[in-house]
Amino acid sequence: MLPRFADIFQQGNRWLNWLEKQPEGSVRPVVIESVTKIMACGTTLMGYTQWCCSSPDCCHTKKVCFRCKSRSCPHCG
């Protein structure tokens, strides 16, 4: 299975380590916002809805995570 695009940023805190090394103000806020959305996309950080089985004999539930809907996101854009 191929890694998610966000996994590349998160592995070993690559994104945070890179961001800390940049001079103050050199990374535009929109870039930080886009990468943050990409990393949270499809996770519970974006929120989710929970689906429950309608059968009274079943207690099966499933969480469906929301997407970021960002144009920069490889899943949403």
PDB file of N, CA and C in Angstrom:
ATOM      1  N   MET A   1       0.833  -1.183   0.000  1.00  0.00           N
ATOM      2  CA  MET A   1       0.000   0.000   0.000  1.00  0.00           C
ATOM      3  C   MET A   1       0.882   1.252   0.000  1.00  0.00           C
ATOM      4  N   LEU A   2       0.543   2.189  -0.844  1.00  0.00           N
ATOM      5  CA  LEU A   2       1.303   3.430  -0.926  1.00  0.00           C
ATOM      6  C   LEU A   2       0.965   4.332   0.260  1.00  0.00           C
ATOM      7  N   PRO A   3       1.963   5.092   0.742  1.00  0.00           N
ATOM      8  CA  PRO A   3       1.681   5.995   1.858  1.00  0.00           C
ATOM      9  C   PRO A   3       0.815   7.167   1.394  1.00  0.00           C
ATOM     10  N   ARG A   4       0.028   7.703   2.324  1.00  0.00           N
ATOM     11  CA  ARG A   4      -0.722   8.922   2.024  1.00  0.00           C
ATOM     12  C   ARG A   4       0.270  10.068   1.867  1.00  0.00           C
ATOM     13  N   PHE A   5      -0.106  11.052   1.090  1.00  0.00           N
ATOM     14  CA  PHE A   5       0.737  12.224   0.896  1.00  0.00           C
ATOM     15  C   PHE A   5       1.082  12.849   2.244  1.00  0.00           C
ATOM     16  N   ALA A   6       0.100  12.899   3.143  1.00  0.00           N
ATOM     17  CA  ALA A   6       0.313  13.488   4.469  1.00  0.00           C
ATOM     18  C   ALA A   6       1.350  12.706   5.270  1.00  0.00           C
ATOM     19  N   ASP A   7       1.432  11.397   5.047  1.00  0.00           N
ATOM     20  CA  ASP A   7       2.394  10.580   5.787  1.00  0.00           C
ATOM     21  C   ASP A   7       3.825  11.014   5.515  1.00  0.00           C
ATOM     22  N   ILE A   8       4.089  11.500   4.314  1.00  0.00           N
ATOM     23  CA  ILE A   8       5.428  11.972   3.964  1.00  0.00           C
ATOM     24  C   ILE A   8       5.797  13.171   4.831  1.00  0.00           C
ATOM     25  N   PHE A   9       4.853  14.078   5.043  1.00  0.00           N
ATOM     26  CA  PHE A   9       5.097  15.243   5.888  1.00  0.00           C
ATOM     27  C   PHE A   9       5.241  14.860   7.354  1.00  0.00           C
ATOM     28  N   GLN A  10       4.454  13.889   7.801  1.00  0.00           N
ATOM     29  CA  GLN A  10       4.414  13.548   9.219  1.00  0.00           C
ATOM     30  C   GLN A  10       5.539  12.620   9.662  1.00  0.00           C
ATOM     31  N   GLN A  11       6.084  11.837   8.753  1.00  0.00           N
ATOM     32  CA  GLN A  11       7.106  10.860   9.118  1.00  0.00           C
ATOM     33  C   GLN A  11       8.316  11.572   9.710  1.00  0.00           C
ATOM     34  N   GLY A  12       8.609  11.240  10.946  1.00  0.00           N
ATOM     35  CA  GLY A  12       9.756  11.846  11.622  1.00  0.00           C
ATOM     36  C   GLY A  12       9.606  13.345  11.830  1.00  0.00           C
ATOM     37  N   ASN A  13       8.367  13.829  11.858  1.00  0.00           N
ATOM     38  CA  ASN A  13       8.100  15.267  12.022  1.00  0.00           C
ATOM     39  C   ASN A  13       8.803  16.117  10.970  1.00  0.00           C
ATOM     40  N   ARG A  14       8.886  15.605   9.745  1.00  0.00           N
ATOM     41  CA  ARG A  14       9.597  16.322   8.676  1.00  0.00           C
ATOM     42  C   ARG A  14       9.081  17.735   8.470  1.00  0.00           C
ATOM     43  N   TRP A  15       7.755  17.879   8.417  1.00  0.00           N
ATOM     44  CA  TRP A  15       7.185  19.199   8.165  1.00  0.00           C
ATOM     45  C   TRP A  15       7.550  20.171   9.274  1.00  0.00           C
ATOM     46  N   LEU A  16       7.371  19.767  10.532  1.00  0.00           N
ATOM     47  CA  LEU A  16       7.674  20.664  11.649  1.00  0.00           C
ATOM     48  C   LEU A  16       9.163  20.976  11.725  1.00  0.00           C
ATOM     49  N   ASN A  17      10.002  19.977  11.490  1.00  0.00           N
ATOM     50  CA  ASN A  17      11.445  20.211  11.511  1.00  0.00           C
ATOM     51  C   ASN A  17      11.858  21.193  10.419  1.00  0.00           C
ATOM     52  N   TRP A  18      11.297  21.017   9.222  1.00  0.00           N
ATOM     53  CA  TRP A  18      11.615  21.919   8.122  1.00  0.00           C
ATOM     54  C   TRP A  18      11.126  23.326   8.423  1.00  0.00           C
ATOM     55  N   LEU A  19       9.905  23.424   8.933  1.00  0.00           N
ATOM     56  CA  LEU A  19       9.303  24.723   9.216  1.00  0.00           C
ATOM     57  C   LEU A  19      10.094  25.494  10.274  1.00  0.00           C
ATOM     58  N   GLU A  20      10.590  24.791  11.283  1.00  0.00           N
ATOM     59  CA  GLU A  20      11.377  25.440  12.337  1.00  0.00           C
ATOM     60  C   GLU A  20      12.691  26.012  11.808  1.00  0.00           C
ATOM     61  N   LYS A  21      13.239  25.420  10.748  1.00  0.00           N
ATOM     62  CA  LYS A  21      14.518  25.869  10.194  1.00  0.00           C
ATOM     63  C   LYS A  21      14.381  27.081   9.275  1.00  0.00           C
ATOM     64  N   GLN A  22      13.152  27.410   8.888  1.00  0.00           N
ATOM     65  CA  GLN A  22      12.939  28.525   7.969  1.00  0.00           C
ATOM     66  C   GLN A  22      12.969  29.849   8.730  1.00  0.00           C
ATOM     67  N   PRO A  23      13.507  30.896   8.081  1.00  0.00           N
ATOM     68  CA  PRO A  23      13.496  32.216   8.726  1.00  0.00           C
ATOM     69  C   PRO A  23      12.069  32.684   8.999  1.00  0.00           C
ATOM     70  N   GLU A  24      11.905  33.423  10.062  1.00  0.00           N
ATOM     71  CA  GLU A  24      10.587  33.933  10.457  1.00  0.00           C
ATOM     72  C   GLU A  24       9.954  34.713   9.302  1.00  0.00           C
ATOM     73  N   GLY A  25       8.734  34.351   8.968  1.00  0.00           N
ATOM     74  CA  GLY A  25       7.995  35.049   7.919  1.00  0.00           C
ATOM     75  C   GLY A  25       8.322  34.629   6.501  1.00  0.00           C
ATOM     76  N   SER A  26       9.226  33.669   6.324  1.00  0.00           N
ATOM     77  CA  SER A  26       9.603  33.270   4.964  1.00  0.00           C
ATOM     78  C   SER A  26       8.610  32.290   4.345  1.00  0.00           C
ATOM     79  N   VAL A  27       7.842  31.615   5.162  1.00  0.00           N
ATOM     80  CA  VAL A  27       6.825  30.682   4.663  1.00  0.00           C
ATOM     81  C   VAL A  27       5.478  31.380   4.788  1.00  0.00           C
ATOM     82  N   ARG A  28       4.814  31.531   3.656  1.00  0.00           N
ATOM     83  CA  ARG A  28       3.528  32.236   3.656  1.00  0.00           C
ATOM     84  C   ARG A  28       2.504  31.483   4.499  1.00  0.00           C
ATOM     85  N   PRO A  29       1.648  32.219   5.204  1.00  0.00           N
ATOM     86  CA  PRO A  29       0.614  31.580   6.037  1.00  0.00           C
ATOM     87  C   PRO A  29      -0.288  30.626   5.255  1.00  0.00           C
ATOM     88  N   VAL A  30      -0.565  30.939   3.998  1.00  0.00           N
ATOM     89  CA  VAL A  30      -1.433  30.069   3.192  1.00  0.00           C
ATOM     90  C   VAL A  30      -0.774  28.713   2.959  1.00  0.00           C
ATOM     91  N   VAL A  31       0.549  28.662   2.887  1.00  0.00           N
ATOM     92  CA  VAL A  31       1.266  27.399   2.718  1.00  0.00           C
ATOM     93  C   VAL A  31       1.141  26.565   3.996  1.00  0.00           C
ATOM     94  N   ILE A  32       1.332  27.212   5.129  1.00  0.00           N
ATOM     95  CA  ILE A  32       1.210  26.514   6.412  1.00  0.00           C
ATOM     96  C   ILE A  32      -0.211  25.985   6.580  1.00  0.00           C
ATOM     97  N   GLU A  33      -1.196  26.802   6.230  1.00  0.00           N
ATOM     98  CA  GLU A  33      -2.592  26.390   6.341  1.00  0.00           C
ATOM     99  C   GLU A  33      -2.896  25.205   5.417  1.00  0.00           C
ATOM    100  N   SER A  34      -2.377  25.243   4.197  1.00  0.00           N
ATOM    101  CA  SER A  34      -2.635  24.162   3.239  1.00  0.00           C
ATOM    102  C   SER A  34      -2.029  22.847   3.690  1.00  0.00           C
ATOM    103  N   VAL A  35      -0.794  22.887   4.145  1.00  0.00           N
ATOM    104  CA  VAL A  35      -0.134  21.659   4.588  1.00  0.00           C
ATOM    105  C   VAL A  35      -0.809  21.112   5.835  1.00  0.00           C
ATOM    106  N   THR A  36      -1.221  21.990   6.727  1.00  0.00           N
ATOM    107  CA  THR A  36      -1.931  21.558   7.931  1.00  0.00           C
ATOM    108  C   THR A  36      -3.235  20.860   7.569  1.00  0.00           C
ATOM    109  N   LYS A  37      -3.961  21.413   6.609  1.00  0.00           N
ATOM    110  CA  LYS A  37      -5.206  20.783   6.154  1.00  0.00           C
ATOM    111  C   LYS A  37      -4.941  19.429   5.512  1.00  0.00           C
ATOM    112  N   ILE A  38      -3.908  19.350   4.682  1.00  0.00           N
ATOM    113  CA  ILE A  38      -3.571  18.089   4.012  1.00  0.00           C
ATOM    114  C   ILE A  38      -3.253  17.018   5.047  1.00  0.00           C
ATOM    115  N   MET A  39      -2.496  17.381   6.078  1.00  0.00           N
ATOM    116  CA  MET A  39      -2.117  16.397   7.090  1.00  0.00           C
ATOM    117  C   MET A  39      -3.310  15.931   7.917  1.00  0.00           C
ATOM    118  N   ALA A  40      -4.312  16.788   8.082  1.00  0.00           N
ATOM    119  CA  ALA A  40      -5.486  16.422   8.879  1.00  0.00           C
ATOM    120  C   ALA A  40      -6.600  15.798   8.043  1.00  0.00           C
ATOM    121  N   CYS A  41      -6.511  15.892   6.738  1.00  0.00           N
ATOM    122  CA  CYS A  41      -7.572  15.424   5.851  1.00  0.00           C
ATOM    123  C   CYS A  41      -7.859  13.931   6.049  1.00  0.00           C
ATOM    124  N   GLY A  42      -9.123  13.621   6.201  1.00  0.00           N
ATOM    125  CA  GLY A  42      -9.532  12.227   6.347  1.00  0.00           C
ATOM    126  C   GLY A  42      -9.230  11.622   7.706  1.00  0.00           C
ATOM    127  N   THR A  43      -8.914  12.464   8.682  1.00  0.00           N
ATOM    128  CA  THR A  43      -8.665  11.981  10.044  1.00  0.00           C
ATOM    129  C   THR A  43      -9.734  12.563  10.966  1.00  0.00           C
ATOM    130  N   THR A  44      -9.768  12.079  12.174  1.00  0.00           N
ATOM    131  CA  THR A  44     -10.746  12.583  13.133  1.00  0.00           C
ATOM    132  C   THR A  44     -10.488  14.046  13.509  1.00  0.00           C
ATOM    133  N   LEU A  45      -9.301  14.563  13.206  1.00  0.00           N
ATOM    134  CA  LEU A  45      -9.014  15.977  13.470  1.00  0.00           C
ATOM    135  C   LEU A  45      -9.922  16.903  12.667  1.00  0.00           C
ATOM    136  N   MET A  46     -10.381  16.431  11.512  1.00  0.00           N
ATOM    137  CA  MET A  46     -11.284  17.223  10.674  1.00  0.00           C
ATOM    138  C   MET A  46     -12.740  17.029  11.086  1.00  0.00           C
ATOM    139  N   GLY A  47     -12.975  16.143  12.019  1.00  0.00           N
ATOM    140  CA  GLY A  47     -14.335  15.818  12.436  1.00  0.00           C
ATOM    141  C   GLY A  47     -14.803  14.564  11.715  1.00  0.00           C
ATOM    142  N   TYR A  48     -15.901  14.042  12.167  1.00  0.00           N
ATOM    143  CA  TYR A  48     -16.416  12.814  11.564  1.00  0.00           C
ATOM    144  C   TYR A  48     -17.894  12.657  11.876  1.00  0.00           C
ATOM    145  N   THR A  49     -18.512  11.772  11.138  1.00  0.00           N
ATOM    146  CA  THR A  49     -19.877  11.367  11.439  1.00  0.00           C
ATOM    147  C   THR A  49     -19.831   9.885  11.774  1.00  0.00           C
ATOM    148  N   GLN A  50     -20.707   9.472  12.637  1.00  0.00           N
ATOM    149  CA  GLN A  50     -20.708   8.075  13.062  1.00  0.00           C
ATOM    150  C   GLN A  50     -21.981   7.401  12.578  1.00  0.00           C
ATOM    151  N   TRP A  51     -21.813   6.300  11.895  1.00  0.00           N
ATOM    152  CA  TRP A  51     -22.936   5.528  11.375  1.00  0.00           C
ATOM    153  C   TRP A  51     -23.123   4.295  12.239  1.00  0.00           C
ATOM    154  N   CYS A  52     -24.360   4.010  12.578  1.00  0.00           N
ATOM    155  CA  CYS A  52     -24.688   2.853  13.402  1.00  0.00           C
ATOM    156  C   CYS A  52     -25.612   1.929  12.622  1.00  0.00           C
ATOM    157  N   CYS A  53     -25.459   0.671  12.858  1.00  0.00           N
ATOM    158  CA  CYS A  53     -26.321  -0.327  12.232  1.00  0.00           C
ATOM    159  C   CYS A  53     -27.750  -0.134  12.729  1.00  0.00           C
ATOM    160  N   SER A  54     -28.712  -0.241  11.828  1.00  0.00           N
ATOM    161  CA  SER A  54     -30.111  -0.019  12.213  1.00  0.00           C
ATOM    162  C   SER A  54     -30.767  -1.252  12.829  1.00  0.00           C
ATOM    163  N   SER A  55     -30.073  -2.374  12.786  1.00  0.00           N
ATOM    164  CA  SER A  55     -30.617  -3.587  13.372  1.00  0.00           C
ATOM    165  C   SER A  55     -30.479  -3.540  14.893  1.00  0.00           C
ATOM    166  N   PRO A  56     -31.524  -3.851  15.624  1.00  0.00           N
ATOM    167  CA  PRO A  56     -31.427  -3.831  17.089  1.00  0.00           C
ATOM    168  C   PRO A  56     -30.498  -4.921  17.641  1.00  0.00           C
ATOM    169  N   ASP A  57     -30.220  -5.945  16.846  1.00  0.00           N
ATOM    170  CA  ASP A  57     -29.341  -7.024  17.293  1.00  0.00           C
ATOM    171  C   ASP A  57     -27.859  -6.734  17.026  1.00  0.00           C
ATOM    172  N   CYS A  58     -27.584  -5.643  16.350  1.00  0.00           N
ATOM    173  CA  CYS A  58     -26.204  -5.334  15.956  1.00  0.00           C
ATOM    174  C   CYS A  58     -25.765  -4.023  16.605  1.00  0.00           C
ATOM    175  N   CYS A  59     -24.549  -4.010  17.105  1.00  0.00           N
ATOM    176  CA  CYS A  59     -24.031  -2.780  17.698  1.00  0.00           C
ATOM    177  C   CYS A  59     -22.864  -2.228  16.864  1.00  0.00           C
ATOM    178  N   HIS A  60     -22.814  -2.603  15.592  1.00  0.00           N
ATOM    179  CA  HIS A  60     -21.744  -2.179  14.701  1.00  0.00           C
ATOM    180  C   HIS A  60     -21.847  -0.683  14.404  1.00  0.00           C
ATOM    181  N   THR A  61     -20.735   0.030  14.559  1.00  0.00           N
ATOM    182  CA  THR A  61     -20.682   1.449  14.221  1.00  0.00           C
ATOM    183  C   THR A  61     -19.468   1.701  13.348  1.00  0.00           C
ATOM    184  N   LYS A  62     -19.520   2.766  12.572  1.00  0.00           N
ATOM    185  CA  LYS A  62     -18.402   3.129  11.712  1.00  0.00           C
ATOM    186  C   LYS A  62     -18.259   4.647  11.708  1.00  0.00           C
ATOM    187  N   LYS A  63     -17.021   5.113  11.906  1.00  0.00           N
ATOM    188  CA  LYS A  63     -16.736   6.542  11.830  1.00  0.00           C
ATOM    189  C   LYS A  63     -16.309   6.864  10.398  1.00  0.00           C
ATOM    190  N   VAL A  64     -16.892   7.901   9.844  1.00  0.00           N
ATOM    191  CA  VAL A  64     -16.516   8.377   8.519  1.00  0.00           C
ATOM    192  C   VAL A  64     -15.952   9.781   8.700  1.00  0.00           C
ATOM    193  N   CYS A  65     -14.650   9.906   8.461  1.00  0.00           N
ATOM    194  CA  CYS A  65     -13.959  11.178   8.695  1.00  0.00           C
ATOM    195  C   CYS A  65     -14.217  12.156   7.555  1.00  0.00           C
ATOM    196  N   PHE A  66     -14.272  13.436   7.891  1.00  0.00           N
ATOM    197  CA  PHE A  66     -14.478  14.487   6.906  1.00  0.00           C
ATOM    198  C   PHE A  66     -13.174  14.795   6.186  1.00  0.00           C
ATOM    199  N   ARG A  67     -13.296  15.344   5.003  1.00  0.00           N
ATOM    200  CA  ARG A  67     -12.150  15.761   4.196  1.00  0.00           C
ATOM    201  C   ARG A  67     -11.946  17.267   4.324  1.00  0.00           C
ATOM    202  N   CYS A  68     -10.782  17.750   3.935  1.00  0.00           N
ATOM    203  CA  CYS A  68     -10.452  19.163   4.096  1.00  0.00           C
ATOM    204  C   CYS A  68     -11.026  20.056   2.998  1.00  0.00           C
ATOM    205  N   LYS A  69     -11.302  19.498   1.836  1.00  0.00           N
ATOM    206  CA  LYS A  69     -11.858  20.232   0.695  1.00  0.00           C
ATOM    207  C   LYS A  69     -10.931  21.340   0.207  1.00  0.00           C
ATOM    208  N   SER A  70      -9.643  21.161   0.391  1.00  0.00           N
ATOM    209  CA  SER A  70      -8.656  22.141  -0.052  1.00  0.00           C
ATOM    210  C   SER A  70      -8.236  21.842  -1.493  1.00  0.00           C
ATOM    211  N   ARG A  71      -8.028  22.876  -2.272  1.00  0.00           N
ATOM    212  CA  ARG A  71      -7.565  22.680  -3.659  1.00  0.00           C
ATOM    213  C   ARG A  71      -6.164  22.095  -3.698  1.00  0.00           C
ATOM    214  N   SER A  72      -5.393  22.282  -2.639  1.00  0.00           N
ATOM    215  CA  SER A  72      -4.016  21.783  -2.585  1.00  0.00           C
ATOM    216  C   SER A  72      -3.933  20.311  -2.222  1.00  0.00           C
ATOM    217  N   CYS A  73      -5.006  19.765  -1.699  1.00  0.00           N
ATOM    218  CA  CYS A  73      -5.007  18.386  -1.214  1.00  0.00           C
ATOM    219  C   CYS A  73      -5.086  17.392  -2.379  1.00  0.00           C
ATOM    220  N   PRO A  74      -4.223  16.369  -2.375  1.00  0.00           N
ATOM    221  CA  PRO A  74      -4.266  15.374  -3.453  1.00  0.00           C
ATOM    222  C   PRO A  74      -5.555  14.551  -3.451  1.00  0.00           C
ATOM    223  N   HIS A  75      -6.250  14.472  -2.334  1.00  0.00           N
ATOM    224  CA  HIS A  75      -7.509  13.729  -2.270  1.00  0.00           C
ATOM    225  C   HIS A  75      -8.700  14.603  -2.650  1.00  0.00           C
ATOM    226  N   CYS A  76      -8.654  15.852  -2.273  1.00  0.00           N
ATOM    227  CA  CYS A  76      -9.828  16.728  -2.416  1.00  0.00           C
ATOM    228  C   CYS A  76      -9.762  17.671  -3.613  1.00  0.00           C
ATOM    229  N   GLY A  77      -8.552  18.076  -3.969  1.00  0.00           N
ATOM    230  CA  GLY A  77      -8.401  19.100  -5.011  1.00  0.00           C
ATOM    231  C   GLY A  77      -8.532  18.539  -6.334  1.00  0.00           C
TER     232      GLY A  77
END
